[in-house]
Protein backbone atom coordinates (compact mmCIF):
# COMPACT_ATOMS: atom_id res chain seq x y z
CA MET A 1 39.56 10.83 -3.91
CA SER A 2 40.72 7.87 -5.79
CA THR A 3 42.73 8.85 -8.85
CA THR A 4 44.17 5.49 -9.91
CA GLY A 5 41.28 4.19 -12.11
CA ARG A 6 42.49 3.68 -15.64
CA SER A 7 40.63 4.98 -18.64
CA PRO A 8 41.94 3.64 -21.94
CA ALA A 9 40.91 6.82 -23.59
CA GLU A 10 43.09 8.98 -21.56
CA THR A 11 46.01 6.84 -20.52
CA PRO A 12 48.26 5.36 -23.19
CA ALA A 13 49.48 1.92 -22.62
CA ALA A 14 52.89 1.70 -21.19
CA SER A 15 54.08 -0.79 -23.83
CA ASP A 16 53.05 1.79 -26.60
CA VAL A 17 54.90 4.57 -24.91
CA ALA A 18 57.97 2.38 -24.44
CA VAL A 19 58.08 1.37 -28.21
CA ARG A 20 57.70 5.08 -29.03
CA LEU A 21 60.70 5.96 -26.83
CA ARG A 22 62.83 3.12 -28.19
CA ALA A 23 62.37 4.48 -31.65
CA ALA A 24 63.24 8.13 -30.72
CA GLU A 25 66.49 9.78 -31.39
CA PHE A 26 65.82 12.73 -29.11
CA VAL A 27 63.02 13.00 -26.43
CA ARG A 28 61.56 16.20 -24.99
CA LEU A 29 59.77 15.84 -21.55
CA VAL A 30 57.59 18.83 -20.24
CA ALA A 31 56.54 18.08 -16.60
CA ALA A 32 54.06 19.77 -14.63
CA ALA A 33 55.25 21.51 -11.45
CA THR A 34 53.72 19.02 -9.17
CA GLY A 35 55.02 15.99 -7.16
CA ASP A 36 53.48 13.70 -9.62
CA GLY A 37 54.78 15.42 -12.76
CA VAL A 38 58.29 15.50 -11.38
CA ALA A 39 58.23 11.93 -10.13
CA ALA A 40 57.06 10.64 -13.54
CA ALA A 41 59.45 12.71 -15.56
CA THR A 42 62.41 11.59 -13.52
CA LEU A 43 61.22 7.95 -13.86
CA LEU A 44 61.18 8.42 -17.55
CA THR A 45 64.57 10.08 -17.75
CA SER A 46 66.08 7.20 -15.78
CA ALA A 47 64.64 4.77 -18.13
CA LEU A 48 66.13 6.75 -21.11
CA ASP A 49 69.50 7.56 -19.35
CA GLY A 50 72.47 6.40 -21.37
CA GLU A 51 70.48 5.26 -24.36
CA THR A 52 68.33 8.17 -25.57
CA PRO A 53 69.21 11.95 -25.45
CA TYR A 54 66.57 14.01 -23.86
CA GLN A 55 65.46 17.45 -22.53
CA LEU A 56 63.49 17.84 -19.40
CA SER A 57 61.71 21.03 -18.22
CA VAL A 58 59.34 21.61 -15.37
CA THR A 59 56.86 24.16 -16.58
CA PRO A 60 53.87 25.24 -14.35
CA LEU A 61 50.49 26.07 -15.80
CA PRO A 62 49.40 28.23 -17.46
CA GLU A 63 52.61 28.41 -19.15
CA THR A 64 52.01 27.05 -22.77
CA ALA A 65 55.39 25.07 -22.89
CA ALA A 66 55.97 26.19 -26.43
CA ARG A 67 58.50 23.99 -28.26
CA ASP A 68 61.93 25.39 -27.86
CA THR A 69 64.02 22.52 -29.20
CA GLU A 70 63.69 20.00 -32.00
CA ALA A 71 62.61 16.56 -30.77
CA ASP A 72 61.07 13.66 -32.58
CA CYS A 73 59.02 12.69 -29.51
CA THR A 74 57.52 15.18 -27.04
CA LEU A 75 55.97 13.93 -23.64
CA ALA A 76 53.63 15.97 -21.67
CA VAL A 77 53.85 14.83 -18.13
CA GLY A 78 50.92 15.82 -15.73
CA ARG A 79 49.89 18.77 -17.85
CA PRO A 80 48.65 19.56 -21.45
CA VAL A 81 51.31 20.71 -23.93
CA ASP A 82 50.51 21.77 -27.40
CA GLY A 83 51.76 19.57 -30.09
CA ALA A 84 52.76 16.76 -27.56
CA ASP A 85 53.10 13.22 -29.09
CA ILE A 86 52.18 11.50 -25.77
CA THR A 87 50.48 12.91 -22.73
CA LEU A 88 50.50 11.13 -19.34
CA GLY A 89 48.66 12.05 -16.20
CA THR A 90 46.46 14.99 -17.09
CA GLU A 91 43.16 13.37 -15.87
CA THR A 92 42.53 10.64 -13.26
CA HIS A 93 45.49 8.23 -13.56
CA PRO A 94 48.60 9.55 -12.06
CA ALA A 95 51.51 10.07 -14.50
CA SER A 96 53.83 8.36 -12.11
CA LEU A 97 52.25 5.00 -12.17
CA THR A 98 52.29 4.93 -15.93
CA ALA A 99 55.85 6.13 -16.06
CA HIS A 100 56.89 3.39 -13.70
CA GLU A 101 55.30 0.87 -15.97
CA VAL A 102 57.02 2.39 -18.92
CA GLY A 103 60.25 2.12 -17.07
CA VAL A 104 59.72 -1.64 -16.33
CA GLU A 105 59.30 -2.07 -20.23
CA LEU A 106 62.52 -0.46 -20.69
CA GLY A 107 64.32 -2.27 -18.03
CA SER A 108 64.07 0.19 -15.31
CA GLY A 109 61.36 1.38 -12.98
CA ASP A 110 61.18 2.52 -9.38
CA PRO A 111 58.29 1.65 -7.31
CA ILE A 112 58.90 4.14 -4.31
CA ALA A 113 59.18 7.13 -6.74
CA ALA A 114 55.82 5.82 -8.53
CA ILE A 115 54.16 5.49 -5.21
CA ALA A 116 55.38 9.00 -4.07
CA GLY A 117 54.21 10.52 -7.36
CA ALA A 118 50.73 8.94 -7.08
CA LEU A 119 50.22 9.95 -3.58
CA ALA A 120 51.22 13.49 -4.44
CA ALA A 121 48.51 13.37 -7.19
CA GLY A 122 45.98 12.55 -4.58
CA ALA A 123 45.67 8.82 -5.15
CA ASP A 124 44.32 6.30 -2.56
CA ARG A 125 46.53 3.72 -1.15
CA ASP A 126 44.49 1.25 -3.38
CA GLU A 127 45.51 -2.05 -4.87
CA ALA A 128 47.84 -0.42 -7.42
CA VAL A 129 49.83 1.38 -4.99
CA LEU A 130 49.89 -1.21 -2.26
CA GLY A 131 50.84 -3.71 -4.83
CA LEU A 132 54.03 -1.55 -5.72
CA ALA A 133 54.74 -1.25 -2.01
CA GLU A 134 54.70 -5.03 -1.61
CA ASP A 135 57.25 -5.15 -4.43
CA VAL A 136 59.68 -3.44 -2.30
CA ASP A 137 58.64 -4.59 1.04
CA LEU A 138 57.16 -1.40 2.22
CA THR A 139 54.81 -1.69 5.17
CA ARG A 140 52.19 0.52 6.66
CA ARG A 141 52.35 1.57 10.44
CA PRO A 142 50.10 3.56 12.71
CA GLY A 143 50.80 7.17 12.76
CA ILE A 144 51.09 10.20 10.54
CA ALA A 145 52.51 10.87 6.96
CA SER A 146 55.47 12.80 7.80
CA PRO A 147 58.87 13.15 6.10
CA THR A 148 60.66 13.48 9.45
CA ALA A 149 60.47 11.50 12.71
CA ASP A 150 59.39 14.61 14.61
CA PRO A 151 55.56 14.47 15.07
CA VAL A 152 55.59 18.31 15.67
CA ASP A 153 57.05 18.81 12.31
CA GLY A 154 54.50 16.43 10.58
CA LEU A 155 51.43 17.98 12.27
CA ALA A 156 52.53 21.55 11.68
CA HIS A 157 53.95 21.22 8.12
CA SER A 158 51.99 18.47 6.31
CA THR A 159 49.88 19.44 3.46
CA PHE A 160 47.89 16.18 3.75
CA LEU A 161 45.66 17.84 6.31
CA HIS A 162 44.52 21.13 7.52
CA ALA A 163 43.69 21.44 11.23
CA PRO A 164 43.87 24.28 13.81
CA PHE A 165 47.57 23.58 14.43
CA SER A 166 48.67 23.36 10.75
CA GLY A 167 51.35 25.95 9.93
CA SER A 168 52.47 26.49 13.38
CA THR A 169 55.02 24.47 15.20
CA ASP A 170 54.05 26.08 18.51
CA ASP A 171 50.43 25.10 18.12
CA ALA A 172 51.28 21.65 17.06
CA ALA A 173 53.52 21.21 20.09
CA ASP A 174 50.74 22.46 22.37
CA ALA A 175 48.38 19.92 20.80
CA LEU A 176 50.81 17.08 21.61
CA THR A 177 51.70 18.16 25.10
CA GLY A 178 48.79 16.09 26.59
CA LEU A 179 50.04 12.95 25.13
CA ASP A 180 53.40 13.04 27.04
CA LEU A 181 55.36 11.38 24.26
CA PRO A 182 58.69 9.84 24.68
CA ASP A 183 61.69 10.57 22.36
CA GLU A 184 61.20 7.17 20.60
CA LEU A 185 57.67 6.53 19.58
CA SER A 186 56.16 3.06 19.98
CA GLU A 187 53.30 1.87 17.72
CA ASP A 188 50.89 2.85 20.43
CA ASP A 189 52.37 6.39 20.61
CA HIS A 190 52.15 6.67 16.88
CA ARG A 191 48.53 5.59 17.00
CA ARG A 192 47.68 8.25 19.64
CA VAL A 193 49.31 11.06 17.41
CA ALA A 194 47.17 9.69 14.57
CA SER A 195 44.09 9.84 16.59
CA LEU A 196 44.76 13.44 17.65
CA ALA A 197 45.23 14.43 13.96
CA ALA A 198 41.96 12.80 12.85
CA LEU A 199 39.97 14.47 15.57
CA ALA A 200 41.48 17.69 14.94
CA VAL A 201 40.21 18.15 11.40
CA THR A 202 36.47 17.95 12.40
CA GLY A 203 36.19 21.56 13.64
CA THR A 204 33.47 23.85 12.84
CA ASP A 205 35.04 24.89 9.52
CA ALA A 206 35.43 21.41 8.27
CA SER A 207 33.67 20.07 5.41
CA GLU A 208 31.99 16.49 5.40
CA ARG A 209 34.82 15.42 3.02
CA ALA A 210 37.51 16.23 5.65
CA THR A 211 37.00 12.98 7.68
CA VAL A 212 37.66 11.10 4.46
CA SER A 213 40.57 13.24 3.28
CA VAL A 214 42.52 12.95 6.52
CA GLU A 215 42.70 9.17 5.86
CA ARG A 216 45.54 10.08 3.51
CA PHE A 217 47.55 11.52 6.39
CA LEU A 218 47.17 8.33 8.53
CA ARG A 219 48.70 4.89 8.42
CA PRO A 220 51.68 5.86 6.03
CA LEU A 221 53.95 3.63 4.19
CA VAL A 222 57.41 3.46 6.09
CA GLY A 223 60.43 3.73 4.00
CA GLY A 224 62.07 5.56 1.09
CA PRO A 225 64.42 8.57 1.27
CA CYS A 226 62.27 10.12 4.16
CA GLU A 227 60.66 8.84 7.19
CA THR A 228 57.60 7.71 5.25
CA VAL A 229 56.83 7.53 1.47
CA ASP A 230 53.74 9.62 2.11
CA GLY A 231 55.79 12.30 3.63
CA TYR A 232 58.26 12.09 0.91
CA ALA A 233 55.35 12.69 -1.65
CA ASP A 234 54.42 15.76 0.43
CA VAL A 235 57.88 17.22 0.22
CA LEU A 236 58.18 16.36 -3.48
CA ASP A 237 54.95 18.17 -4.27
CA ALA A 238 56.14 21.38 -2.24
CA THR A 239 59.58 21.51 -3.81
CA ALA A 240 58.03 20.88 -7.37
CA ARG A 241 55.72 24.02 -6.90
CA ASP A 242 58.36 26.37 -5.22
CA ALA A 243 61.78 25.07 -6.33
CA PRO A 244 61.39 22.81 -9.34
CA GLY A 245 65.16 22.25 -9.80
CA GLN A 246 65.49 20.98 -6.21
CA ALA A 247 62.43 18.74 -6.77
CA VAL A 248 64.04 17.22 -9.70
CA ALA A 249 67.27 16.56 -7.73
CA LEU A 250 65.34 15.21 -4.86
CA ALA A 251 63.53 12.70 -7.17
CA LEU A 252 66.93 11.54 -8.66
CA GLY A 253 68.48 11.26 -5.08
CA HIS A 254 70.95 14.25 -5.57
CA ALA A 255 69.30 16.89 -3.34
CA ASP A 256 70.10 17.61 0.38
CA PRO A 257 67.05 16.38 2.17
CA GLU A 258 67.24 18.96 4.81
CA SER A 259 67.27 21.64 2.28
CA ALA A 260 64.27 20.18 0.72
CA PHE A 261 62.40 19.78 4.18
CA ASP A 262 63.05 23.56 4.65
CA THR A 263 61.27 24.33 1.39
CA TRP A 264 58.48 22.02 2.34
CA ARG A 265 58.08 23.70 5.76
CA THR A 266 58.10 27.19 4.16
CA HIS A 267 55.45 26.24 1.51
CA ALA A 268 53.23 24.54 4.03
CA THR A 269 53.40 27.42 6.51
CA GLU A 270 52.41 29.78 3.78
CA ALA A 271 49.50 27.68 2.35
CA HIS A 272 47.99 26.82 5.80
CA SER A 273 48.37 30.63 6.95
CA ALA A 274 46.71 31.70 3.67
CA LEU A 275 43.82 29.24 4.03
CA SER A 276 43.24 30.12 7.61
CA THR A 277 43.10 33.85 7.05
CA ALA A 278 41.37 33.92 3.66
CA THR A 279 37.97 35.44 2.86
CA THR A 280 35.72 32.69 1.68
CA GLY A 281 32.55 32.93 -0.39
CA ARG A 282 29.94 30.22 -1.09
CA TYR A 283 28.12 30.31 -4.38
CA ASP A 284 26.06 27.91 -6.35
CA GLY A 285 28.47 25.03 -7.01
CA LEU A 286 31.49 27.11 -6.14
CA PHE A 287 33.57 27.75 -2.92
CA ALA A 288 35.96 30.86 -3.33
CA VAL A 289 38.93 31.27 -1.20
CA LYS A 290 40.34 34.85 -1.53
CA CYS A 291 43.82 35.32 -0.07
CA ASP A 292 45.93 38.38 0.44
CA GLY A 293 49.31 38.71 -1.58
CA THR A 294 51.17 36.14 -3.33
CA VAL A 295 50.35 32.61 -1.93
CA PRO A 296 50.75 29.11 -3.21
CA VAL A 297 47.28 28.90 -4.75
CA GLY A 298 47.71 25.32 -5.81
CA THR A 299 48.21 23.92 -2.47
CA VAL A 300 45.46 26.24 -0.93
CA ALA A 301 42.95 25.10 -3.51
CA ARG A 302 43.75 21.44 -2.66
CA LEU A 303 43.48 21.87 1.01
CA ALA A 304 40.13 23.95 0.77
CA ALA A 305 38.82 21.22 -1.60
CA ASP A 306 39.83 18.35 0.80
CA PHE A 307 38.95 20.11 4.15
CA ARG A 308 36.74 23.16 3.80
CA SER A 309 34.70 23.25 0.69
CA PRO A 310 30.98 22.58 0.88
CA GLU A 311 30.62 22.86 -2.95
CA PRO A 312 32.09 20.71 -5.75
CA VAL A 313 34.31 23.31 -7.36
CA VAL A 314 36.99 25.29 -5.49
CA LEU A 315 38.67 28.54 -6.67
CA ALA A 316 41.77 29.83 -4.61
CA LEU A 317 42.78 33.47 -5.48
CA GLY A 318 45.80 35.28 -4.83
CA GLU A 319 47.51 38.47 -6.17
CA GLY A 320 47.70 37.98 -9.83
CA CYS A 321 46.96 34.24 -9.89
CA ALA A 322 44.33 31.63 -9.16
CA GLU A 323 43.83 27.89 -9.08
CA ALA A 324 40.66 25.88 -9.41
CA ARG A 325 39.95 22.30 -8.61
CA ARG A 326 36.87 20.14 -8.77
CA LEU A 327 35.87 17.37 -6.50
CA PRO A 328 34.85 13.98 -7.87
CA GLU A 329 31.11 14.63 -7.79
CA SER A 330 31.45 17.54 -10.23
CA THR A 331 31.47 16.94 -13.94
CA VAL A 332 32.62 20.43 -15.23
CA HIS A 333 35.81 20.90 -17.22
CA VAL A 334 37.74 23.21 -14.90
CA GLY A 335 40.65 23.85 -17.22
CA GLN A 336 38.24 25.13 -19.96
CA ILE A 337 36.52 27.36 -17.45
CA VAL A 338 39.70 28.86 -16.18
CA GLU A 339 40.83 29.47 -19.99
CA GLN A 340 37.68 31.30 -20.58
CA ALA A 341 37.44 33.31 -17.62
CA SER A 342 41.16 34.26 -17.99
CA ALA A 343 40.55 35.51 -21.50
CA ASP A 344 37.64 37.63 -20.29
CA VAL A 345 39.91 39.65 -17.89
CA GLY A 346 43.00 39.76 -20.35
CA GLY A 347 44.80 37.03 -18.58
CA THR A 348 46.10 33.43 -19.45
CA GLY A 349 44.60 30.33 -18.19
CA ARG A 350 45.13 26.56 -18.80
CA GLY A 351 44.44 23.17 -17.27
CA THR A 352 42.67 19.90 -17.44
CA SER A 353 39.27 18.67 -16.51
CA LEU A 354 40.44 18.38 -12.83
CA ARG A 355 42.25 21.58 -12.16
CA GLY A 356 43.09 24.95 -13.95
CA ARG A 357 45.48 27.78 -13.19
CA ALA A 358 45.30 31.42 -14.23
CA ARG A 359 47.56 34.64 -14.21
CA PHE A 360 46.15 38.09 -14.71
CA GLU A 361 46.81 41.57 -13.88
CA THR A 362 43.25 42.49 -12.88
CA ASP A 363 41.73 42.45 -9.43
CA PRO A 364 41.07 39.06 -8.16
CA ALA A 365 37.42 39.87 -7.74
CA GLU A 366 37.15 40.42 -11.45
CA PHE A 367 38.57 36.93 -12.20
CA LEU A 368 36.18 35.48 -9.58
CA LEU A 369 33.18 37.13 -11.29
CA ALA A 370 34.26 35.94 -14.76
CA PHE A 371 34.83 32.52 -13.40
CA ARG A 372 31.39 32.39 -11.81
CA GLU A 373 29.75 33.41 -15.04
CA LYS A 374 31.56 30.72 -17.05
CA LEU A 375 30.84 28.10 -14.35
């Protein structure tokens, strides 16, 4: 899915945001617990650092992010926030790209962080992303989008694909056995690993969309704080969802990469396992993924949308929580549907037109029924 198309109605001009920030005496930033939200927020704080006091919080949906401090400018970054003066990245244009543009206006900016945030948001490597890559001499190479040099690690733990070996280092290693790879991979070796990954997603459970979605995992941009910028985006999104403080430190260059990789591996393993063992249901316009226990429903919903769903709306359900996403061909406002369905079962829900998240105390089947009725 391409998410870099700018709509003037939904994305404020970077110059206007910069003017507002220059005039502010205190800035409050509320970021979504996503890779894009964290990357964008840290780009903005870097631009403000030393000039304007600020407060940054990473607040996952459906929390309301109610104002808890006085600020003359509140920025909602990657999520809606009641009373926000400026909102970035709640629809199709990644917050990170706008945040980088704002940073440039203020004498800052970081193309690698902007690219990673945009890729975490699902952006294609289009003209906007590749233009930023050229600015810092990043190049693409054959292979897979892994944050580490180990192809087993990348195949097993990436959340940029869902294949039979996903979530299992043993299965990933078995899949690579026939390639007889050397310790140091050549371009041809990288190409063979990529071909294996591309073929692996076309199994019996794969959707038609899977063959397009897997392209995000192939021919990555090399460089940045990890083996590839695309792999960095994957780690940033996983840590933002599971350990926001670690994600902020990673984006600012203060975190131990190995610790962040461990968070990424755990998050990916849980998400892939949940999707592989989930009970699925297909309804008119909806693909429901019912998982046991507490699972990373946001990543499960994204993986299901990209690789499994035959319907334009996906709902991933776990114990006490759910996340919905819509594919580009759908025009429904997912966030509104989640909010209405949550209210019907006594829970809370919030989101954008693209995704929504709910918390509830009822049985997930009740929330599914309420969601179907509103859809």
